[in-house]
Amino acid sequence: MQDPSDSSQPLSPPRGMRDFYPEEMALRTFIFDAWRNATRAHGFAMYDSCVVESLDLLKRKSGEEIVNQIYAFADKSGRELALRPEMTPTLARMVAARQGSLPFPLKWAAIGQCFRYERMSRGRKREHYQWNLDIIGEQSVSAEAEVLAAAARALRLMGLGDSDFRIRFSSRSLLSEILRRLEIAPEQQPAVFLALDKRGKIPDETVATQLRDAGLSREQAARVIDAMRISSIDEASALTAGDSKAVQELRDFAACLEAHGLGDCAGFDISVIRGLAYYTGIVFEGFDSTGDFRAIFGGGRYDNLLAQVGGRPATGVGLGFGDVVVAEILAERGTLPSQHAVADIAVGFMTEAERIPATRLAAEFRAENASVDAGLAPEKAKAFFSRASRSGCGRAIYIGPDDVASGKCRVKNMADRTETDRRIPR
C-alpha cells in the first residue's frame, strides 16, 4: 500500500478516475467529434450544466438509496450536494425552470462528465463522459427512433458498421399490460421490473425467488418468467388485449427504425427493461454484435419525470451513450484513431540570432489560420526534424543564419520531402 507521506512515490489518480495523456485525449476527441457531428446532423441543440447537483433533486428521481451509489457531500454551509451521476435529472430541472418560455418539442444534447461511486468492472469506472440526447414534449414514437438514429450515426462515424452493433428494444408499458393479464397487482410491478431486469445476470431460479419476495405466488412467478421467453412483437401481442396500445406503438416504432435504415441492426427483445423506475414506455439498449461488452448506450421514454422535479407534466425520451465501453470496443476492433498532429507546421531555429525571425514567421502562418508548433529554444537541425516528424506536422521550417541573410527559408513537406521557398517577414 502506498504511503501518502512518502513524497518519493508517484501519485496516481483516485480509484476509478482517469488521466488523459495526449494519446488518450486523441481518442476522447475522436469520440466527442463523432457525438458532436451526429448532434448537428440530427438537429439537436447543445446545452451544459453544473457538475455539482442538489442531492434533493437526485433523491426525487431515484429515491433515498441513490446516496449509497454516488459522491454525495455537504458543503461548508451544510447544503447536501453531489457530483452528478447522470444528466437527465438536471435536464428536467433546467426545462422545468423555463417551461413556460421554451419552444416544444425540445431536442437537446449534452456531453457531460458523470460520477458514480460503485464497484468497478470492465466497461465501468467511477467517472465517465456521457453523450445525452433528449426530446421533450413529443408523444410520437418518432422521438425514440430519432435518438437511436443519431446514436447509430455516431457509431458509424467512429468506424463501426451496422454489423458491429445491435439495438434491442422493448416496452415497459407492454410488460405492464402482460403483468396485468397475469393478475400481477400494479403496486407489485416496480419490484417485478427490478427482478426481471437481472435476468441473464443471475439464474432464473434466483429471479423467481426475488419475484416471490415481491409477493408473487410460485405459479405467478413461473408464468412471469415464461412470458419473458417470447421472441417477437406478434407473440407479445398474443399475451395482451387485441387493441393493445403498447403493441401498436412497438409496430410503429419498428417501422420508423426501418425508415431510418436501422431495420437490419435493431430488433425486439422483451428482456430489455432498464432498471430505472422513471421509464414509462419504449426502452432500448445498444450492444456490440458479439455481446462481449456492456451496453454501449441505453434509454427510453419517461413521461413523469418533469412533474417529479416541479414542472408541468410533459413527455420525454432520452438516450445516454458513455465513452468507456465504446473506447474498449474500438480498441478490440483495432480501429483506434492515430494521435492527431499537434500542428500543421513546425518552425525551428539554429541560434539565438534567428529566434525573432522564426517567431515572426510562426505568427504570420498563424494569421493565415495555420496551426504552428514554434520552437522555444535553439536546436540542431537533426533534432528539430525528428521532433517535427514525431509530432505529425505536415510541413517543417528550420531557420539558420543563411536563411535570415537571404530573407528566405525552405518549407519542407514531411510526406514527400519536397521543398518550397517562403519569405521571412522582417
Foldseek 3Di string as FASTA:
>chain_A
DDDPVDPVDDDDPPFLDDDQDLFNVLLVVLLVVLLVVLCVVLPAAEDDDDQKAQPVLVCLQFNPVQVQWFAWDADPVRGIITGAQDCVSVVLLVCQVPVPPDDPFHWYKYWDKHAIPDDDDQLDGRIFIKIKIKTWFDDALLRVLSVVLSVVSSLVSLVDDLLFKAKEKAWPQLLVQLLVLLVDDPVLVLQLLQLLLCPVVDDLVVSLVSSVVSPDDSVSSVVSVVLQPDFALVSSCVSGDVPDPQSVSVVVNLVSNVVSVNNVRYGYHHSPRDSRPQAHTMKMFMDTNVNPFDTQKIWHKGQCSSVSSPHDTIIMTMMMGTDRGVVVVCVVVVSRDGRDQPFQEEEAEAAPVCQVLSVQVCVVVVVVVGGYHYDDHHDDPVVRVVVNVVSPHQWYWYDYPVCVVVQKTWIAGPPPRDIDIDGGDD
